[in-house]
Structures are given as structure tokens and as C-alpha cells.
Amino acid sequence: MARDHTSPYPTLTESADVVDIFMRADRVVAAVEEAVRLKPKAIWLQLGITSNEAKALAEEGGVMFVMDKCIKQEHSRLLPAR
């Protein structure tokens, strides 16, 4: 990531498997628009963050989209410790 001083968040400069977004819902659409251009496998909005507009953008771009879930909690639920 690189910092664009005109932007409220670091810009994405290279591809990633998952873009995990921690920001207020009213700012997510711009981040998702940028992320979709990089074609990650998934875009994840953390617990308490929802945006139907961002979801539609991701899905139109063919990117899996998860919102209002904690990635750590889901990991622990799906892959419990042995």
C-alpha cells in the first residue's frame, strides 16, 4: 500500500488475496471501487460495517464480498484449534 495524501486511507498498489476493510461504512464504497480493480479473491468488511452499494460493486466485479463479520471469529469458527 502507498499513502495518497489526498485520500483518507492508504491506496492499494498491488494485488492481494483478501482486502480487509476497517473503516466507517460511509467511506467503504471508494475503497471497494479501488479494490475491485485489483481483482482480489475477496473483499471483507469487518463486524458492524455494512454497505449494500459496496456489495453490489464487488459482485458486479466478480469479487466475493463479506460484510458485518469478524475475519478472526470466522477463522476460529471454521478452523477450530486442535
PDB file of N, CA and C in Angstrom:
ATOM      1  N   MET A   1       0.824  -1.182   0.000  1.00  0.00           N
ATOM      2  CA  MET A   1       0.000   0.000   0.000  1.00  0.00           C
ATOM      3  C   MET A   1       0.868   1.245   0.000  1.00  0.00           C
ATOM      4  N   ALA A   2       0.348   2.285  -0.593  1.00  0.00           N
ATOM      5  CA  ALA A   2       1.029   3.571  -0.596  1.00  0.00           C
ATOM      6  C   ALA A   2       0.071   4.622  -0.072  1.00  0.00           C
ATOM      7  N   ARG A   3       0.601   5.655   0.501  1.00  0.00           N
ATOM      8  CA  ARG A   3      -0.243   6.716   1.040  1.00  0.00           C
ATOM      9  C   ARG A   3      -0.443   7.795  -0.015  1.00  0.00           C
ATOM     10  N   ASP A   4      -1.687   8.041  -0.379  1.00  0.00           N
ATOM     11  CA  ASP A   4      -2.056   9.151  -1.249  1.00  0.00           C
ATOM     12  C   ASP A   4      -2.553  10.239  -0.308  1.00  0.00           C
ATOM     13  N   HIS A   5      -1.848  11.331  -0.216  1.00  0.00           N
ATOM     14  CA  HIS A   5      -2.167  12.347   0.785  1.00  0.00           C
ATOM     15  C   HIS A   5      -3.481  13.075   0.520  1.00  0.00           C
ATOM     16  N   THR A   6      -4.118  12.832  -0.618  1.00  0.00           N
ATOM     17  CA  THR A   6      -5.434  13.410  -0.862  1.00  0.00           C
ATOM     18  C   THR A   6      -6.539  12.451  -0.446  1.00  0.00           C
ATOM     19  N   SER A   7      -6.155  11.242  -0.062  1.00  0.00           N
ATOM     20  CA  SER A   7      -7.116  10.193   0.278  1.00  0.00           C
ATOM     21  C   SER A   7      -7.128   9.950   1.779  1.00  0.00           C
ATOM     22  N   PRO A   8      -8.278   9.591   2.347  1.00  0.00           N
ATOM     23  CA  PRO A   8      -8.358   9.324   3.784  1.00  0.00           C
ATOM     24  C   PRO A   8      -7.796   7.963   4.180  1.00  0.00           C
ATOM     25  N   TYR A   9      -7.364   7.146   3.221  1.00  0.00           N
ATOM     26  CA  TYR A   9      -6.826   5.825   3.517  1.00  0.00           C
ATOM     27  C   TYR A   9      -5.682   5.520   2.564  1.00  0.00           C
ATOM     28  N   PRO A  10      -4.810   4.597   2.932  1.00  0.00           N
ATOM     29  CA  PRO A  10      -3.731   4.206   2.007  1.00  0.00           C
ATOM     30  C   PRO A  10      -4.341   3.615   0.739  1.00  0.00           C
ATOM     31  N   THR A  11      -3.732   3.871  -0.389  1.00  0.00           N
ATOM     32  CA  THR A  11      -4.235   3.313  -1.639  1.00  0.00           C
ATOM     33  C   THR A  11      -3.642   1.928  -1.864  1.00  0.00           C
ATOM     34  N   LEU A  12      -4.375   1.120  -2.573  1.00  0.00           N
ATOM     35  CA  LEU A  12      -3.912  -0.219  -2.897  1.00  0.00           C
ATOM     36  C   LEU A  12      -3.030  -0.125  -4.139  1.00  0.00           C
ATOM     37  N   THR A  13      -1.847  -0.696  -4.058  1.00  0.00           N
ATOM     38  CA  THR A  13      -0.915  -0.593  -5.178  1.00  0.00           C
ATOM     39  C   THR A  13      -0.565  -1.936  -5.789  1.00  0.00           C
ATOM     40  N   GLU A  14      -0.948  -3.007  -5.143  1.00  0.00           N
ATOM     41  CA  GLU A  14      -0.663  -4.322  -5.703  1.00  0.00           C
ATOM     42  C   GLU A  14      -1.775  -5.274  -5.317  1.00  0.00           C
ATOM     43  N   SER A  15      -1.824  -6.373  -5.985  1.00  0.00           N
ATOM     44  CA  SER A  15      -2.877  -7.344  -5.774  1.00  0.00           C
ATOM     45  C   SER A  15      -2.768  -8.005  -4.396  1.00  0.00           C
ATOM     46  N   ALA A  16      -3.901  -8.453  -3.904  1.00  0.00           N
ATOM     47  CA  ALA A  16      -3.967  -9.173  -2.632  1.00  0.00           C
ATOM     48  C   ALA A  16      -5.050 -10.235  -2.761  1.00  0.00           C
ATOM     49  N   ASP A  17      -4.940 -11.281  -1.969  1.00  0.00           N
ATOM     50  CA  ASP A  17      -5.984 -12.303  -1.978  1.00  0.00           C
ATOM     51  C   ASP A  17      -7.252 -11.793  -1.310  1.00  0.00           C
ATOM     52  N   VAL A  18      -7.081 -11.107  -0.169  1.00  0.00           N
ATOM     53  CA  VAL A  18      -8.214 -10.571   0.571  1.00  0.00           C
ATOM     54  C   VAL A  18      -7.931  -9.114   0.916  1.00  0.00           C
ATOM     55  N   VAL A  19      -8.888  -8.258   0.644  1.00  0.00           N
ATOM     56  CA  VAL A  19      -8.810  -6.871   1.083  1.00  0.00           C
ATOM     57  C   VAL A  19      -9.753  -6.759   2.271  1.00  0.00           C
ATOM     58  N   ASP A  20      -9.186  -6.551   3.453  1.00  0.00           N
ATOM     59  CA  ASP A  20      -9.935  -6.485   4.711  1.00  0.00           C
ATOM     60  C   ASP A  20     -10.076  -5.007   5.083  1.00  0.00           C
ATOM     61  N   ILE A  21     -11.298  -4.513   5.076  1.00  0.00           N
ATOM     62  CA  ILE A  21     -11.532  -3.078   5.235  1.00  0.00           C
ATOM     63  C   ILE A  21     -12.042  -2.765   6.636  1.00  0.00           C
ATOM     64  N   PHE A  22     -11.289  -1.899   7.319  1.00  0.00           N
ATOM     65  CA  PHE A  22     -11.656  -1.400   8.638  1.00  0.00           C
ATOM     66  C   PHE A  22     -11.891   0.103   8.504  1.00  0.00           C
ATOM     67  N   MET A  23     -13.078   0.504   8.182  1.00  0.00           N
ATOM     68  CA  MET A  23     -13.403   1.931   8.132  1.00  0.00           C
ATOM     69  C   MET A  23     -14.912   2.097   8.198  1.00  0.00           C
ATOM     70  N   ARG A  24     -15.326   3.318   8.473  1.00  0.00           N
ATOM     71  CA  ARG A  24     -16.759   3.600   8.573  1.00  0.00           C
ATOM     72  C   ARG A  24     -17.457   3.266   7.265  1.00  0.00           C
ATOM     73  N   ALA A  25     -18.692   2.825   7.393  1.00  0.00           N
ATOM     74  CA  ALA A  25     -19.470   2.401   6.229  1.00  0.00           C
ATOM     75  C   ALA A  25     -19.612   3.504   5.186  1.00  0.00           C
ATOM     76  N   ASP A  26     -19.669   4.749   5.603  1.00  0.00           N
ATOM     77  CA  ASP A  26     -19.846   5.832   4.634  1.00  0.00           C
ATOM     78  C   ASP A  26     -18.598   6.082   3.786  1.00  0.00           C
ATOM     79  N   ARG A  27     -17.489   5.407   4.085  1.00  0.00           N
ATOM     80  CA  ARG A  27     -16.259   5.564   3.307  1.00  0.00           C
ATOM     81  C   ARG A  27     -15.880   4.313   2.525  1.00  0.00           C
ATOM     82  N   VAL A  28     -16.641   3.261   2.662  1.00  0.00           N
ATOM     83  CA  VAL A  28     -16.247   1.968   2.098  1.00  0.00           C
ATOM     84  C   VAL A  28     -16.368   1.894   0.582  1.00  0.00           C
ATOM     85  N   VAL A  29     -17.319   2.566   0.005  1.00  0.00           N
ATOM     86  CA  VAL A  29     -17.560   2.432  -1.430  1.00  0.00           C
ATOM     87  C   VAL A  29     -16.306   2.785  -2.237  1.00  0.00           C
ATOM     88  N   ALA A  30     -15.641   3.873  -1.904  1.00  0.00           N
ATOM     89  CA  ALA A  30     -14.426   4.275  -2.630  1.00  0.00           C
ATOM     90  C   ALA A  30     -13.337   3.211  -2.491  1.00  0.00           C
ATOM     91  N   ALA A  31     -13.194   2.659  -1.302  1.00  0.00           N
ATOM     92  CA  ALA A  31     -12.183   1.619  -1.078  1.00  0.00           C
ATOM     93  C   ALA A  31     -12.520   0.360  -1.881  1.00  0.00           C
ATOM     94  N   VAL A  32     -13.780   0.002  -1.932  1.00  0.00           N
ATOM     95  CA  VAL A  32     -14.197  -1.190  -2.679  1.00  0.00           C
ATOM     96  C   VAL A  32     -14.015  -0.967  -4.179  1.00  0.00           C
ATOM     97  N   GLU A  33     -14.338   0.227  -4.672  1.00  0.00           N
ATOM     98  CA  GLU A  33     -14.111   0.527  -6.092  1.00  0.00           C
ATOM     99  C   GLU A  33     -12.644   0.306  -6.453  1.00  0.00           C
ATOM    100  N   GLU A  34     -11.757   0.793  -5.610  1.00  0.00           N
ATOM    101  CA  GLU A  34     -10.321   0.637  -5.844  1.00  0.00           C
ATOM    102  C   GLU A  34      -9.906  -0.829  -5.753  1.00  0.00           C
ATOM    103  N   ALA A  35     -10.404  -1.524  -4.756  1.00  0.00           N
ATOM    104  CA  ALA A  35     -10.036  -2.928  -4.555  1.00  0.00           C
ATOM    105  C   ALA A  35     -10.507  -3.799  -5.718  1.00  0.00           C
ATOM    106  N   VAL A  36     -11.699  -3.576  -6.214  1.00  0.00           N
ATOM    107  CA  VAL A  36     -12.247  -4.397  -7.298  1.00  0.00           C
ATOM    108  C   VAL A  36     -11.345  -4.340  -8.528  1.00  0.00           C
ATOM    109  N   ARG A  37     -10.741  -3.193  -8.785  1.00  0.00           N
ATOM    110  CA  ARG A  37      -9.843  -3.062  -9.941  1.00  0.00           C
ATOM    111  C   ARG A  37      -8.637  -3.995  -9.840  1.00  0.00           C
ATOM    112  N   LEU A  38      -8.250  -4.359  -8.620  1.00  0.00           N
ATOM    113  CA  LEU A  38      -7.102  -5.253  -8.416  1.00  0.00           C
ATOM    114  C   LEU A  38      -7.477  -6.733  -8.447  1.00  0.00           C
ATOM    115  N   LYS A  39      -8.765  -7.021  -8.533  1.00  0.00           N
ATOM    116  CA  LYS A  39      -9.263  -8.399  -8.636  1.00  0.00           C
ATOM    117  C   LYS A  39      -8.815  -9.317  -7.500  1.00  0.00           C
ATOM    118  N   PRO A  40      -9.064  -8.931  -6.229  1.00  0.00           N
ATOM    119  CA  PRO A  40      -8.743  -9.862  -5.142  1.00  0.00           C
ATOM    120  C   PRO A  40      -9.735 -11.024  -5.162  1.00  0.00           C
ATOM    121  N   LYS A  41      -9.429 -12.059  -4.402  1.00  0.00           N
ATOM    122  CA  LYS A  41     -10.364 -13.180  -4.299  1.00  0.00           C
ATOM    123  C   LYS A  41     -11.576 -12.788  -3.461  1.00  0.00           C
ATOM    124  N   ALA A  42     -11.360 -11.876  -2.478  1.00  0.00           N
ATOM    125  CA  ALA A  42     -12.456 -11.463  -1.606  1.00  0.00           C
ATOM    126  C   ALA A  42     -12.210 -10.061  -1.051  1.00  0.00           C
ATOM    127  N   ILE A  43     -13.319  -9.387  -0.773  1.00  0.00           N
ATOM    128  CA  ILE A  43     -13.302  -8.119  -0.045  1.00  0.00           C
ATOM    129  C   ILE A  43     -14.118  -8.347   1.210  1.00  0.00           C
ATOM    130  N   TRP A  44     -13.567  -7.962   2.353  1.00  0.00           N
ATOM    131  CA  TRP A  44     -14.167  -8.261   3.648  1.00  0.00           C
ATOM    132  C   TRP A  44     -14.379  -6.973   4.427  1.00  0.00           C
ATOM    133  N   LEU A  45     -15.619  -6.723   4.833  1.00  0.00           N
ATOM    134  CA  LEU A  45     -15.924  -5.601   5.731  1.00  0.00           C
ATOM    135  C   LEU A  45     -16.097  -6.164   7.129  1.00  0.00           C
ATOM    136  N   GLN A  46     -15.459  -5.558   8.081  1.00  0.00           N
ATOM    137  CA  GLN A  46     -15.442  -6.070   9.440  1.00  0.00           C
ATOM    138  C   GLN A  46     -16.794  -5.958  10.148  1.00  0.00           C
ATOM    139  N   LEU A  47     -16.869  -6.592  11.295  1.00  0.00           N
ATOM    140  CA  LEU A  47     -18.072  -6.653  12.118  1.00  0.00           C
ATOM    141  C   LEU A  47     -18.642  -5.256  12.337  1.00  0.00           C
ATOM    142  N   GLY A  48     -19.915  -5.094  12.065  1.00  0.00           N
ATOM    143  CA  GLY A  48     -20.598  -3.820  12.259  1.00  0.00           C
ATOM    144  C   GLY A  48     -20.557  -2.902  11.050  1.00  0.00           C
ATOM    145  N   ILE A  49     -19.850  -3.300   9.990  1.00  0.00           N
ATOM    146  CA  ILE A  49     -19.740  -2.459   8.800  1.00  0.00           C
ATOM    147  C   ILE A  49     -20.536  -3.107   7.670  1.00  0.00           C
ATOM    148  N   THR A  50     -21.491  -2.361   7.128  1.00  0.00           N
ATOM    149  CA  THR A  50     -22.296  -2.861   6.015  1.00  0.00           C
ATOM    150  C   THR A  50     -22.437  -1.776   4.954  1.00  0.00           C
ATOM    151  N   SER A  51     -22.531  -2.200   3.718  1.00  0.00           N
ATOM    152  CA  SER A  51     -22.779  -1.293   2.601  1.00  0.00           C
ATOM    153  C   SER A  51     -23.305  -2.108   1.432  1.00  0.00           C
ATOM    154  N   ASN A  52     -24.580  -1.963   1.152  1.00  0.00           N
ATOM    155  CA  ASN A  52     -25.165  -2.683   0.022  1.00  0.00           C
ATOM    156  C   ASN A  52     -24.604  -2.179  -1.302  1.00  0.00           C
ATOM    157  N   GLU A  53     -24.263  -0.889  -1.375  1.00  0.00           N
ATOM    158  CA  GLU A  53     -23.663  -0.334  -2.590  1.00  0.00           C
ATOM    159  C   GLU A  53     -22.292  -0.963  -2.839  1.00  0.00           C
ATOM    160  N   ALA A  54     -21.483  -1.095  -1.790  1.00  0.00           N
ATOM    161  CA  ALA A  54     -20.168  -1.725  -1.919  1.00  0.00           C
ATOM    162  C   ALA A  54     -20.321  -3.197  -2.315  1.00  0.00           C
ATOM    163  N   LYS A  55     -21.295  -3.861  -1.736  1.00  0.00           N
ATOM    164  CA  LYS A  55     -21.549  -5.265  -2.066  1.00  0.00           C
ATOM    165  C   LYS A  55     -21.876  -5.417  -3.547  1.00  0.00           C
ATOM    166  N   ALA A  56     -22.737  -4.544  -4.050  1.00  0.00           N
ATOM    167  CA  ALA A  56     -23.109  -4.610  -5.466  1.00  0.00           C
ATOM    168  C   ALA A  56     -21.899  -4.368  -6.367  1.00  0.00           C
ATOM    169  N   LEU A  57     -21.058  -3.417  -6.012  1.00  0.00           N
ATOM    170  CA  LEU A  57     -19.853  -3.134  -6.798  1.00  0.00           C
ATOM    171  C   LEU A  57     -18.932  -4.353  -6.853  1.00  0.00           C
ATOM    172  N   ALA A  58     -18.722  -4.975  -5.697  1.00  0.00           N
ATOM    173  CA  ALA A  58     -17.851  -6.145  -5.643  1.00  0.00           C
ATOM    174  C   ALA A  58     -18.428  -7.290  -6.472  1.00  0.00           C
ATOM    175  N   GLU A  59     -19.699  -7.547  -6.289  1.00  0.00           N
ATOM    176  CA  GLU A  59     -20.322  -8.651  -7.013  1.00  0.00           C
ATOM    177  C   GLU A  59     -20.332  -8.404  -8.515  1.00  0.00           C
ATOM    178  N   GLU A  60     -20.559  -7.154  -8.946  1.00  0.00           N
ATOM    179  CA  GLU A  60     -20.505  -6.821 -10.368  1.00  0.00           C
ATOM    180  C   GLU A  60     -19.102  -7.050 -10.921  1.00  0.00           C
ATOM    181  N   GLY A  61     -18.094  -6.850 -10.071  1.00  0.00           N
ATOM    182  CA  GLY A  61     -16.714  -7.061 -10.474  1.00  0.00           C
ATOM    183  C   GLY A  61     -16.258  -8.502 -10.341  1.00  0.00           C
ATOM    184  N   GLY A  62     -17.151  -9.388  -9.913  1.00  0.00           N
ATOM    185  CA  GLY A  62     -16.821 -10.799  -9.780  1.00  0.00           C
ATOM    186  C   GLY A  62     -15.972 -11.134  -8.568  1.00  0.00           C
ATOM    187  N   VAL A  63     -16.054 -10.287  -7.528  1.00  0.00           N
ATOM    188  CA  VAL A  63     -15.252 -10.490  -6.323  1.00  0.00           C
ATOM    189  C   VAL A  63     -16.165 -10.914  -5.172  1.00  0.00           C
ATOM    190  N   MET A  64     -15.796 -11.996  -4.487  1.00  0.00           N
ATOM    191  CA  MET A  64     -16.541 -12.436  -3.308  1.00  0.00           C
ATOM    192  C   MET A  64     -16.563 -11.298  -2.290  1.00  0.00           C
ATOM    193  N   PHE A  65     -17.698 -11.108  -1.626  1.00  0.00           N
ATOM    194  CA  PHE A  65     -17.856  -9.986  -0.704  1.00  0.00           C
ATOM    195  C   PHE A  65     -18.465 -10.476   0.600  1.00  0.00           C
ATOM    196  N   VAL A  66     -17.839 -10.103   1.709  1.00  0.00           N
ATOM    197  CA  VAL A  66     -18.331 -10.453   3.042  1.00  0.00           C
ATOM    198  C   VAL A  66     -18.455  -9.152   3.824  1.00  0.00           C
ATOM    199  N   MET A  67     -19.564  -8.994   4.542  1.00  0.00           N
ATOM    200  CA  MET A  67     -19.703  -7.802   5.371  1.00  0.00           C
ATOM    201  C   MET A  67     -20.306  -8.163   6.722  1.00  0.00           C
ATOM    202  N   ASP A  68     -19.997  -7.321   7.695  1.00  0.00           N
ATOM    203  CA  ASP A  68     -20.522  -7.455   9.052  1.00  0.00           C
ATOM    204  C   ASP A  68     -20.099  -8.767   9.720  1.00  0.00           C
ATOM    205  N   LYS A  69     -18.851  -9.169   9.470  1.00  0.00           N
ATOM    206  CA  LYS A  69     -18.303 -10.364  10.120  1.00  0.00           C
ATOM    207  C   LYS A  69     -16.849 -10.114  10.476  1.00  0.00           C
ATOM    208  N   CYS A  70     -16.423 -10.648  11.595  1.00  0.00           N
ATOM    209  CA  CYS A  70     -15.029 -10.538  12.028  1.00  0.00           C
ATOM    210  C   CYS A  70     -14.245 -11.702  11.418  1.00  0.00           C
ATOM    211  N   ILE A  71     -13.210 -11.375  10.673  1.00  0.00           N
ATOM    212  CA  ILE A  71     -12.436 -12.407   9.986  1.00  0.00           C
ATOM    213  C   ILE A  71     -11.779 -13.373  10.985  1.00  0.00           C
ATOM    214  N   LYS A  72     -11.343 -12.870  12.127  1.00  0.00           N
ATOM    215  CA  LYS A  72     -10.729 -13.736  13.149  1.00  0.00           C
ATOM    216  C   LYS A  72     -11.765 -14.690  13.744  1.00  0.00           C
ATOM    217  N   GLN A  73     -12.950 -14.171  14.063  1.00  0.00           N
ATOM    218  CA  GLN A  73     -14.004 -15.021  14.614  1.00  0.00           C
ATOM    219  C   GLN A  73     -14.413 -16.093  13.611  1.00  0.00           C
ATOM    220  N   GLU A  74     -14.528 -15.727  12.349  1.00  0.00           N
ATOM    221  CA  GLU A  74     -14.916 -16.703  11.329  1.00  0.00           C
ATOM    222  C   GLU A  74     -13.823 -17.750  11.137  1.00  0.00           C
ATOM    223  N   HIS A  75     -12.581 -17.324  11.161  1.00  0.00           N
ATOM    224  CA  HIS A  75     -11.469 -18.270  11.055  1.00  0.00           C
ATOM    225  C   HIS A  75     -11.518 -19.265  12.209  1.00  0.00           C
ATOM    226  N   SER A  76     -11.710 -18.760  13.422  1.00  0.00           N
ATOM    227  CA  SER A  76     -11.774 -19.635  14.612  1.00  0.00           C
ATOM    228  C   SER A  76     -12.962 -20.589  14.559  1.00  0.00           C
ATOM    229  N   ARG A  77     -14.068 -20.110  14.035  1.00  0.00           N
ATOM    230  CA  ARG A  77     -15.265 -20.938  13.925  1.00  0.00           C
ATOM    231  C   ARG A  77     -15.089 -22.039  12.883  1.00  0.00           C
ATOM    232  N   LEU A  78     -14.486 -21.687  11.759  1.00  0.00           N
ATOM    233  CA  LEU A  78     -14.346 -22.643  10.667  1.00  0.00           C
ATOM    234  C   LEU A  78     -13.153 -23.588  10.835  1.00  0.00           C
ATOM    235  N   LEU A  79     -12.116 -23.102  11.515  1.00  0.00           N
ATOM    236  CA  LEU A  79     -10.910 -23.904  11.716  1.00  0.00           C
ATOM    237  C   LEU A  79     -10.545 -23.893  13.196  1.00  0.00           C
ATOM    238  N   PRO A  80     -11.309 -24.583  14.037  1.00  0.00           N
ATOM    239  CA  PRO A  80     -11.050 -24.558  15.467  1.00  0.00           C
ATOM    240  C   PRO A  80      -9.665 -25.115  15.817  1.00  0.00           C
ATOM    241  N   ALA A  81      -9.122 -24.634  16.902  1.00  0.00           N
ATOM    242  CA  ALA A  81      -7.806 -25.100  17.363  1.00  0.00           C
ATOM    243  C   ALA A  81      -7.865 -26.598  17.662  1.00  0.00           C
ATOM    244  N   ARG A  82      -6.773 -27.241  17.436  1.00  0.00           N
ATOM    245  CA  ARG A  82      -6.728 -28.696  17.675  1.00  0.00           C
ATOM    246  C   ARG A  82      -6.237 -28.990  19.052  1.00  0.00           C
TER     247      ARG A  82
END
